[in-house]
PDB file of N, CA and C in Angstrom:
ATOM      1  N   MET A   1      48.494 -44.746  -3.875  1.00  0.00           N
ATOM      2  CA  MET A   1      48.178 -43.486  -4.507  1.00  0.00           C
ATOM      3  C   MET A   1      47.787 -43.519  -6.028  1.00  0.00           C
ATOM      4  N   ILE A   2      46.856 -43.006  -6.431  1.00  0.00           N
ATOM      5  CA  ILE A   2      46.858 -43.593  -7.471  1.00  0.00           C
ATOM      6  C   ILE A   2      46.698 -42.661  -8.345  1.00  0.00           C
ATOM      7  N   ILE A   3      46.965 -42.958  -9.825  1.00  0.00           N
ATOM      8  CA  ILE A   3      47.061 -42.454 -10.856  1.00  0.00           C
ATOM      9  C   ILE A   3      46.118 -42.198 -12.207  1.00  0.00           C
ATOM     10  N   LEU A   4      45.567 -40.928 -12.347  1.00  0.00           N
ATOM     11  CA  LEU A   4      45.150 -40.769 -14.156  1.00  0.00           C
ATOM     12  C   LEU A   4      46.000 -40.322 -14.648  1.00  0.00           C
ATOM     13  N   ASN A   5      44.903 -41.456 -15.932  1.00  0.00           N
ATOM     14  CA  ASN A   5      45.930 -40.345 -17.270  1.00  0.00           C
ATOM     15  C   ASN A   5      44.499 -39.374 -18.110  1.00  0.00           C
ATOM     16  N   ILE A   6      44.822 -38.387 -17.264  1.00  0.00           N
ATOM     17  CA  ILE A   6      44.457 -36.891 -18.259  1.00  0.00           C
ATOM     18  C   ILE A   6      45.125 -36.385 -18.584  1.00  0.00           C
ATOM     19  N   SER A   7      44.849 -35.968 -19.996  1.00  0.00           N
ATOM     20  CA  SER A   7      45.614 -34.650 -19.942  1.00  0.00           C
ATOM     21  C   SER A   7      45.368 -33.384 -19.845  1.00  0.00           C
ATOM     22  N   ILE A   8      45.604 -32.994 -20.150  1.00  0.00           N
ATOM     23  CA  ILE A   8      45.344 -31.222 -19.385  1.00  0.00           C
ATOM     24  C   ILE A   8      44.004 -31.243 -20.619  1.00  0.00           C
ATOM     25  N   VAL A   9      43.995 -30.781 -21.297  1.00  0.00           N
ATOM     26  CA  VAL A   9      42.404 -30.621 -21.729  1.00  0.00           C
ATOM     27  C   VAL A   9      41.821 -31.066 -21.064  1.00  0.00           C
ATOM     28  N   GLU A  10      41.379 -32.040 -20.690  1.00  0.00           N
ATOM     29  CA  GLU A  10      40.586 -32.641 -19.620  1.00  0.00           C
ATOM     30  C   GLU A  10      40.562 -32.131 -17.560  1.00  0.00           C
ATOM     31  N   ALA A  11      41.697 -31.840 -18.539  1.00  0.00           N
ATOM     32  CA  ALA A  11      42.075 -31.082 -16.504  1.00  0.00           C
ATOM     33  C   ALA A  11      41.194 -30.006 -16.523  1.00  0.00           C
ATOM     34  N   LEU A  12      41.778 -28.911 -18.091  1.00  0.00           N
ATOM     35  CA  LEU A  12      40.781 -27.505 -18.235  1.00  0.00           C
ATOM     36  C   LEU A  12      39.715 -27.799 -17.841  1.00  0.00           C
ATOM     37  N   LEU A  13      39.246 -29.011 -18.543  1.00  0.00           N
ATOM     38  CA  LEU A  13      37.551 -28.980 -19.229  1.00  0.00           C
ATOM     39  C   LEU A  13      37.247 -29.546 -17.556  1.00  0.00           C
ATOM     40  N   ILE A  14      37.326 -29.954 -16.825  1.00  0.00           N
ATOM     41  CA  ILE A  14      36.742 -30.461 -15.456  1.00  0.00           C
ATOM     42  C   ILE A  14      36.912 -29.014 -14.612  1.00  0.00           C
ATOM     43  N   ALA A  15      37.816 -28.450 -14.508  1.00  0.00           N
ATOM     44  CA  ALA A  15      38.633 -26.776 -13.525  1.00  0.00           C
ATOM     45  C   ALA A  15      37.340 -25.901 -14.371  1.00  0.00           C
ATOM     46  N   LEU A  16      36.802 -26.000 -15.968  1.00  0.00           N
ATOM     47  CA  LEU A  16      36.521 -25.314 -16.399  1.00  0.00           C
ATOM     48  C   LEU A  16      34.637 -25.487 -15.178  1.00  0.00           C
ATOM     49  N   ASN A  17      34.271 -26.694 -15.664  1.00  0.00           N
ATOM     50  CA  ASN A  17      32.807 -27.209 -15.020  1.00  0.00           C
ATOM     51  C   ASN A  17      32.537 -26.010 -13.880  1.00  0.00           C
ATOM     52  N   SER A  18      33.276 -27.442 -13.082  1.00  0.00           N
ATOM     53  CA  SER A  18      33.850 -26.957 -11.521  1.00  0.00           C
ATOM     54  C   SER A  18      33.983 -25.303 -10.713  1.00  0.00           C
ATOM     55  N   ILE A  19      33.780 -24.215 -12.562  1.00  0.00           N
ATOM     56  CA  ILE A  19      33.754 -23.557 -11.763  1.00  0.00           C
ATOM     57  C   ILE A  19      32.813 -22.561 -12.098  1.00  0.00           C
ATOM     58  N   ILE A  20      32.406 -22.829 -13.333  1.00  0.00           N
ATOM     59  CA  ILE A  20      30.191 -22.197 -14.022  1.00  0.00           C
ATOM     60  C   ILE A  20      29.445 -22.748 -13.152  1.00  0.00           C
ATOM     61  N   LEU A  21      29.960 -24.067 -12.171  1.00  0.00           N
ATOM     62  CA  LEU A  21      28.852 -25.024 -11.122  1.00  0.00           C
ATOM     63  C   LEU A  21      28.553 -23.979 -10.697  1.00  0.00           C
ATOM     64  N   LEU A  22      29.885 -23.236  -9.987  1.00  0.00           N
ATOM     65  CA  LEU A  22      30.575 -22.737  -8.328  1.00  0.00           C
ATOM     66  C   LEU A  22      28.954 -21.741  -7.945  1.00  0.00           C
ATOM     67  N   PHE A  23      29.717 -20.769  -9.673  1.00  0.00           N
ATOM     68  CA  PHE A  23      28.516 -19.466 -10.362  1.00  0.00           C
ATOM     69  C   PHE A  23      27.367 -19.625 -10.087  1.00  0.00           C
ATOM     70  N   VAL A  24      27.585 -20.089 -10.367  1.00  0.00           N
ATOM     71  CA  VAL A  24      26.159 -20.799 -10.487  1.00  0.00           C
ATOM     72  C   VAL A  24      25.833 -20.775  -9.249  1.00  0.00           C
ATOM     73  N   VAL A  25      26.027 -21.739  -8.789  1.00  0.00           N
ATOM     74  CA  VAL A  25      25.605 -21.675  -7.054  1.00  0.00           C
ATOM     75  C   VAL A  25      25.833 -20.862  -6.276  1.00  0.00           C
ATOM     76  N   LEU A  26      26.186 -19.424  -6.735  1.00  0.00           N
ATOM     77  CA  LEU A  26      26.828 -18.382  -5.915  1.00  0.00           C
ATOM     78  C   LEU A  26      25.741 -17.146  -6.569  1.00  0.00           C
ATOM     79  N   ILE A  27      25.043 -17.764  -8.119  1.00  0.00           N
ATOM     80  CA  ILE A  27      24.206 -16.095  -8.389  1.00  0.00           C
ATOM     81  C   ILE A  27      22.908 -16.991  -7.862  1.00  0.00           C
ATOM     82  N   ILE A  28      22.863 -17.932  -7.444  1.00  0.00           N
ATOM     83  CA  ILE A  28      21.455 -18.571  -7.049  1.00  0.00           C
ATOM     84  C   ILE A  28      21.633 -17.706  -5.760  1.00  0.00           C
ATOM     85  N   LEU A  29      21.478 -17.847  -5.274  1.00  0.00           N
ATOM     86  CA  LEU A  29      22.556 -17.769  -3.068  1.00  0.00           C
ATOM     87  C   LEU A  29      22.254 -16.239  -3.449  1.00  0.00           C
ATOM     88  N   MET A  30      22.675 -15.540  -4.249  1.00  0.00           N
ATOM     89  CA  MET A  30      22.341 -14.690  -4.184  1.00  0.00           C
ATOM     90  C   MET A  30      21.190 -13.218  -4.863  1.00  0.00           C
ATOM     91  N   LEU A  31      20.679 -14.324  -5.625  1.00  0.00           N
ATOM     92  CA  LEU A  31      18.770 -13.729  -5.337  1.00  0.00           C
ATOM     93  C   LEU A  31      18.107 -14.872  -4.736  1.00  0.00           C
ATOM     94  N   VAL A  32      18.553 -15.312  -3.970  1.00  0.00           N
ATOM     95  CA  VAL A  32      17.765 -16.194  -2.472  1.00  0.00           C
ATOM     96  C   VAL A  32      17.767 -15.263  -1.640  1.00  0.00           C
ATOM     97  N   VAL A  33      19.549 -14.525  -1.628  1.00  0.00           N
ATOM     98  CA  VAL A  33      19.494 -13.399  -0.135  1.00  0.00           C
ATOM     99  C   VAL A  33      18.410 -11.490  -0.324  1.00  0.00           C
ATOM    100  N   ARG A  34      18.335 -11.603  -1.877  1.00  0.00           N
ATOM    101  CA  ARG A  34      17.609 -10.484  -2.406  1.00  0.00           C
ATOM    102  C   ARG A  34      16.782 -10.536  -2.223  1.00  0.00           C
ATOM    103  N   PHE A  35      16.411 -11.612  -2.009  1.00  0.00           N
ATOM    104  CA  PHE A  35      14.353 -11.794  -2.011  1.00  0.00           C
ATOM    105  C   PHE A  35      14.492 -12.463  -0.854  1.00  0.00           C
ATOM    106  N   PHE A  36      15.083 -11.738   0.160  1.00  0.00           N
ATOM    107  CA  PHE A  36      14.834 -11.620   1.480  1.00  0.00           C
ATOM    108  C   PHE A  36      14.890 -10.372   1.887  1.00  0.00           C
ATOM    109  N   LYS A  37      14.991  -9.706   1.549  1.00  0.00           N
ATOM    110  CA  LYS A  37      14.266  -7.991   1.961  1.00  0.00           C
ATOM    111  C   LYS A  37      13.593  -7.798   1.816  1.00  0.00           C
ATOM    112  N   TYR A  38      12.646  -8.150   0.391  1.00  0.00           N
ATOM    113  CA  TYR A  38      11.161  -8.208   0.042  1.00  0.00           C
ATOM    114  C   TYR A  38      10.102  -9.068   1.800  1.00  0.00           C
ATOM    115  N   ILE A  39      10.522  -9.734   2.370  1.00  0.00           N
ATOM    116  CA  ILE A  39      10.155 -10.470   3.185  1.00  0.00           C
ATOM    117  C   ILE A  39       9.164  -9.616   4.334  1.00  0.00           C
ATOM    118  N   PRO A  40      10.249  -8.383   4.919  1.00  0.00           N
ATOM    119  CA  PRO A  40       9.205  -7.648   6.132  1.00  0.00           C
ATOM    120  C   PRO A  40       8.773  -6.822   5.286  1.00  0.00           C
ATOM    121  N   LYS A  41       8.768  -6.557   4.064  1.00  0.00           N
ATOM    122  CA  LYS A  41       7.362  -5.183   3.135  1.00  0.00           C
ATOM    123  C   LYS A  41       6.668  -6.251   3.271  1.00  0.00           C
ATOM    124  N   VAL A  42       6.322  -7.977   2.677  1.00  0.00           N
ATOM    125  CA  VAL A  42       4.576  -8.622   2.625  1.00  0.00           C
ATOM    126  C   VAL A  42       4.147  -9.404   3.987  1.00  0.00           C
ATOM    127  N   VAL A  43       4.659  -9.308   5.561  1.00  0.00           N
ATOM    128  CA  VAL A  43       4.525  -9.852   6.314  1.00  0.00           C
ATOM    129  C   VAL A  43       3.692  -8.017   7.426  1.00  0.00           C
ATOM    130  N   SER A  44       4.398  -6.975   6.835  1.00  0.00           N
ATOM    131  CA  SER A  44       3.449  -5.619   7.475  1.00  0.00           C
ATOM    132  C   SER A  44       2.831  -5.475   6.945  1.00  0.00           C
ATOM    133  N   LEU A  45       2.670  -5.429   5.288  1.00  0.00           N
ATOM    134  CA  LEU A  45       1.514  -5.229   4.753  1.00  0.00           C
ATOM    135  C   LEU A  45       0.465  -6.361   5.424  1.00  0.00           C
ATOM    136  N   ILE A  46       0.575  -7.493   5.498  1.00  0.00           N
ATOM    137  CA  ILE A  46       0.217  -8.351   5.966  1.00  0.00           C
ATOM    138  C   ILE A  46      -0.765  -8.118   7.208  1.00  0.00           C
ATOM    139  N   ASP A  47       0.385  -7.331   8.185  1.00  0.00           N
ATOM    140  CA  ASP A  47       0.012  -7.355   9.636  1.00  0.00           C
ATOM    141  C   ASP A  47      -0.762  -5.844   9.502  1.00  0.00           C
ATOM    142  N   LYS A  48      -0.927  -4.948   8.772  1.00  0.00           N
ATOM    143  CA  LYS A  48      -2.162  -3.440   8.031  1.00  0.00           C
ATOM    144  C   LYS A  48      -2.911  -3.657   7.923  1.00  0.00           C
ATOM    145  N   LEU A  49      -3.058  -4.787   6.435  1.00  0.00           N
ATOM    146  CA  LEU A  49      -4.330  -5.690   6.166  1.00  0.00           C
ATOM    147  C   LEU A  49      -5.508  -5.849   7.341  1.00  0.00           C
ATOM    148  N   LYS A  50      -4.735  -6.770   8.041  1.00  0.00           N
ATOM    149  CA  LYS A  50      -5.379  -7.542   9.664  1.00  0.00           C
ATOM    150  C   LYS A  50      -5.951  -6.401   9.968  1.00  0.00           C
ATOM    151  N   ARG A  51      -4.995  -5.089  10.582  1.00  0.00           N
ATOM    152  CA  ARG A  51      -5.327  -4.411  11.804  1.00  0.00           C
ATOM    153  C   ARG A  51      -6.352  -3.729  10.250  1.00  0.00           C
ATOM    154  N   LYS A  52      -6.931  -3.429  10.063  1.00  0.00           N
ATOM    155  CA  LYS A  52      -7.995  -2.710   8.597  1.00  0.00           C
ATOM    156  C   LYS A  52      -8.909  -3.470   9.188  1.00  0.00           C
ATOM    157  N   VAL A  53      -9.119  -4.971   8.770  1.00  0.00           N
ATOM    158  CA  VAL A  53     -10.152  -5.548   9.107  1.00  0.00           C
ATOM    159  C   VAL A  53     -10.325  -5.673  10.755  1.00  0.00           C
ATOM    160  N   ARG A  54      -9.586  -5.217  11.861  1.00  0.00           N
ATOM    161  CA  ARG A  54     -10.481  -4.989  13.029  1.00  0.00           C
ATOM    162  C   ARG A  54     -10.819  -4.046  13.236  1.00  0.00           C
ATOM    163  N   HIS A  55     -12.829  -4.045  13.309  1.00  0.00           N
ATOM    164  CA  HIS A  55     -13.096  -2.957  14.244  1.00  0.00           C
ATOM    165  C   HIS A  55     -13.754  -2.624  15.126  1.00  0.00           C
ATOM    166  N   LYS A  56     -13.350  -1.716  15.326  1.00  0.00           N
ATOM    167  CA  LYS A  56     -14.008  -2.094  17.369  1.00  0.00           C
ATOM    168  C   LYS A  56     -15.362  -1.463  16.842  1.00  0.00           C
ATOM    169  N   TYR A  57     -16.228  -2.320  17.847  1.00  0.00           N
ATOM    170  CA  TYR A  57     -17.981  -1.587  17.614  1.00  0.00           C
ATOM    171  C   TYR A  57     -18.165  -1.519  18.541  1.00  0.00           C
ATOM    172  N   THR A  58     -19.254   0.048  18.624  1.00  0.00           N
ATOM    173  CA  THR A  58     -19.202  -0.441  19.796  1.00  0.00           C
ATOM    174  C   THR A  58     -20.878  -0.248  20.279  1.00  0.00           C
ATOM    175  N   ALA A  59     -21.312  -0.680  21.335  1.00  0.00           N
ATOM    176  CA  ALA A  59     -23.147  -0.848  21.500  1.00  0.00           C
ATOM    177  C   ALA A  59     -22.985   0.063  21.351  1.00  0.00           C
ATOM    178  N   PHE A  60     -24.443   0.372  21.705  1.00  0.00           N
ATOM    179  CA  PHE A  60     -25.365   1.846  21.579  1.00  0.00           C
ATOM    180  C   PHE A  60     -25.306   2.153  22.568  1.00  0.00           C
ATOM    181  N   ASP A  61     -25.840   1.668  23.816  1.00  0.00           N
ATOM    182  CA  ASP A  61     -26.231   1.757  25.495  1.00  0.00           C
ATOM    183  C   ASP A  61     -24.214   2.304  25.819  1.00  0.00           C
ATOM    184  N   GLU A  62     -23.404   1.460  25.466  1.00  0.00           N
ATOM    185  CA  GLU A  62     -22.126   1.833  25.402  1.00  0.00           C
ATOM    186  C   GLU A  62     -21.870   3.321  25.615  1.00  0.00           C
ATOM    187  N   MET A  63     -21.881   4.197  24.108  1.00  0.00           N
ATOM    188  CA  MET A  63     -21.793   5.125  23.929  1.00  0.00           C
ATOM    189  C   MET A  63     -21.691   6.084  24.603  1.00  0.00           C
ATOM    190  N   ASP A  64     -20.740   7.406  24.823  1.00  0.00           N
ATOM    191  CA  ASP A  64     -21.103   7.998  25.945  1.00  0.00           C
ATOM    192  C   ASP A  64     -22.698   9.451  24.613  1.00  0.00           C
ATOM    193  N   GLU A  65     -22.620  10.206  25.886  1.00  0.00           N
ATOM    194  CA  GLU A  65     -23.573  10.697  24.465  1.00  0.00           C
ATOM    195  C   GLU A  65     -23.681  11.413  23.525  1.00  0.00           C
ATOM    196  N   ASP A  66     -22.686  12.347  24.166  1.00  0.00           N
ATOM    197  CA  ASP A  66     -22.422  12.935  22.638  1.00  0.00           C
ATOM    198  C   ASP A  66     -22.171  11.746  21.059  1.00  0.00           C
ATOM    199  N   MET A  67     -21.944  10.919  21.565  1.00  0.00           N
ATOM    200  CA  MET A  67     -21.919   9.713  20.012  1.00  0.00           C
ATOM    201  C   MET A  67     -22.581   9.553  19.797  1.00  0.00           C
ATOM    202  N   GLN A  68     -23.856   9.616  21.042  1.00  0.00           N
ATOM    203  CA  GLN A  68     -24.596   8.346  20.315  1.00  0.00           C
ATOM    204  C   GLN A  68     -26.429   9.763  20.279  1.00  0.00           C
ATOM    205  N   VAL A  69     -25.570  10.843  20.201  1.00  0.00           N
ATOM    206  CA  VAL A  69     -26.659  11.606  19.357  1.00  0.00           C
ATOM    207  C   VAL A  69     -26.061  11.928  17.992  1.00  0.00           C
ATOM    208  N   ALA A  70     -24.435  11.623  17.388  1.00  0.00           N
ATOM    209  CA  ALA A  70     -23.931  12.371  16.837  1.00  0.00           C
ATOM    210  C   ALA A  70     -24.942  10.822  15.424  1.00  0.00           C
ATOM    211  N   VAL A  71     -25.269   9.776  15.880  1.00  0.00           N
ATOM    212  CA  VAL A  71     -24.974   8.752  15.498  1.00  0.00           C
ATOM    213  C   VAL A  71     -26.970   8.900  15.314  1.00  0.00           C
ATOM    214  N   LEU A  72     -27.982   9.280  16.068  1.00  0.00           N
ATOM    215  CA  LEU A  72     -28.869   9.151  15.779  1.00  0.00           C
ATOM    216  C   LEU A  72     -29.093  10.340  14.467  1.00  0.00           C
ATOM    217  N   THR A  73     -28.227  11.561  14.877  1.00  0.00           N
ATOM    218  CA  THR A  73     -28.163  12.712  13.869  1.00  0.00           C
ATOM    219  C   THR A  73     -27.949  12.061  12.537  1.00  0.00           C
ATOM    220  N   ALA A  74     -26.992  11.184  11.793  1.00  0.00           N
ATOM    221  CA  ALA A  74     -27.076  10.939  10.853  1.00  0.00           C
ATOM    222  C   ALA A  74     -28.120   9.460  10.441  1.00  0.00           C
ATOM    223  N   SER A  75     -28.590   8.564  11.188  1.00  0.00           N
ATOM    224  CA  SER A  75     -29.235   8.184  10.697  1.00  0.00           C
ATOM    225  C   SER A  75     -31.099   8.661   9.833  1.00  0.00           C
ATOM    226  N   ILE A  76     -30.930  10.309  10.956  1.00  0.00           N
ATOM    227  CA  ILE A  76     -31.802  10.897  10.737  1.00  0.00           C
ATOM    228  C   ILE A  76     -32.040  11.796   9.300  1.00  0.00           C
ATOM    229  N   CYS A  77     -30.891  12.419   9.257  1.00  0.00           N
ATOM    230  CA  CYS A  77     -30.197  12.775   7.349  1.00  0.00           C
ATOM    231  C   CYS A  77     -30.481  11.644   6.159  1.00  0.00           C
ATOM    232  N   TYR A  78     -29.934  10.184   7.108  1.00  0.00           N
ATOM    233  CA  TYR A  78     -29.850   9.850   5.609  1.00  0.00           C
ATOM    234  C   TYR A  78     -31.183   9.257   5.550  1.00  0.00           C
ATOM    235  N   LYS A  79     -31.781   8.992   6.004  1.00  0.00           N
ATOM    236  CA  LYS A  79     -33.626   9.049   6.290  1.00  0.00           C
ATOM    237  C   LYS A  79     -33.674  10.097   5.868  1.00  0.00           C
ATOM    238  N   ASN A  80     -33.519  11.699   5.076  1.00  0.00           N
ATOM    239  CA  ASN A  80     -34.394  12.258   5.245  1.00  0.00           C
ATOM    240  C   ASN A  80     -33.515  12.277   4.033  1.00  0.00           C
ATOM    241  N   GLU A  81     -32.492  11.646   2.597  1.00  0.00           N
ATOM    242  CA  GLU A  81     -32.037  11.530   1.939  1.00  0.00           C
ATOM    243  C   GLU A  81     -32.460  10.083   1.478  1.00  0.00           C
ATOM    244  N   VAL A  82     -33.198   9.205   1.634  1.00  0.00           N
ATOM    245  CA  VAL A  82     -33.058   8.056   1.055  1.00  0.00           C
ATOM    246  C   VAL A  82     -34.918   8.453   0.863  1.00  0.00           C
ATOM    247  N   LYS A  83     -36.047   9.095   1.670  1.00  0.00           N
ATOM    248  CA  LYS A  83     -36.268   8.926   2.567  1.00  0.00           C
ATOM    249  C   LYS A  83     -37.458   7.480   1.835  1.00  0.00           C
ATOM    250  N   ASN A  84     -36.812   6.826   3.005  1.00  0.00           N
ATOM    251  CA  ASN A  84     -37.346   5.917   3.313  1.00  0.00           C
ATOM    252  C   ASN A  84     -37.155   5.096   4.450  1.00  0.00           C
ATOM    253  N   ASP A  85     -37.627   4.540   5.112  1.00  0.00           N
ATOM    254  CA  ASP A  85     -37.004   4.104   6.060  1.00  0.00           C
ATOM    255  C   ASP A  85     -35.110   2.869   7.123  1.00  0.00           C
ATOM    256  N   VAL A  86     -35.189   3.145   7.787  1.00  0.00           N
ATOM    257  CA  VAL A  86     -34.329   3.336   8.047  1.00  0.00           C
ATOM    258  C   VAL A  86     -33.174   2.649   9.512  1.00  0.00           C
ATOM    259  N   LYS A  87     -32.493   1.553   9.400  1.00  0.00           N
ATOM    260  CA  LYS A  87     -32.833   0.596  10.074  1.00  0.00           C
ATOM    261  C   LYS A  87     -30.464   0.494   9.718  1.00  0.00           C
ATOM    262  N   LEU A  88     -30.411   0.802  11.132  1.00  0.00           N
ATOM    263  CA  LEU A  88     -28.752   1.409  12.036  1.00  0.00           C
ATOM    264  C   LEU A  88     -28.338  -0.306  13.105  1.00  0.00           C
ATOM    265  N   LYS A  89     -27.681  -0.393  11.079  1.00  0.00           N
ATOM    266  CA  LYS A  89     -26.961  -2.559  11.383  1.00  0.00           C
ATOM    267  C   LYS A  89     -25.819  -2.593  12.963  1.00  0.00           C
ATOM    268  N   SER A  90     -24.903  -1.148  13.133  1.00  0.00           N
ATOM    269  CA  SER A  90     -23.315  -1.071  13.690  1.00  0.00           C
ATOM    270  C   SER A  90     -22.534  -0.022  13.225  1.00  0.00           C
ATOM    271  N   VAL A  91     -22.058   0.535  14.415  1.00  0.00           N
ATOM    272  CA  VAL A  91     -21.684   2.296  14.202  1.00  0.00           C
ATOM    273  C   VAL A  91     -20.202   1.487  14.990  1.00  0.00           C
ATOM    274  N   ARG A  92     -19.417   1.921  14.210  1.00  0.00           N
ATOM    275  CA  ARG A  92     -17.704   2.189  13.936  1.00  0.00           C
ATOM    276  C   ARG A  92     -17.467   3.309  14.953  1.00  0.00           C
ATOM    277  N   LYS A  93     -16.675   3.711  16.099  1.00  0.00           N
ATOM    278  CA  LYS A  93     -15.531   4.930  16.436  1.00  0.00           C
ATOM    279  C   LYS A  93     -14.805   4.436  15.418  1.00  0.00           C
ATOM    280  N   LEU A  94     -14.300   6.074  14.810  1.00  0.00           N
ATOM    281  CA  LEU A  94     -13.329   6.769  13.911  1.00  0.00           C
ATOM    282  C   LEU A  94     -11.784   7.129  14.968  1.00  0.00           C
TER     283      LEU A  94
END
């Protein structure tokens, strides 16, 4: 058996330091757990941004007749507006 000569004051200081260390660790764990609730929001925001970037473009030949008419009408209106030649680069279905 090990016998140490520790006074009551020293024992109280050791206990107080241990309790303070315990609470510091618990506070750090509490903060980490609180930040877990923000992770799904960040992931869903990233997914939403990825979906916005991915637009499906359709070739002019693959469009139905109504869509082709809409594209041609929009390009003619834009040409009349800018009074210059217009080149259609892409069409996106909304």
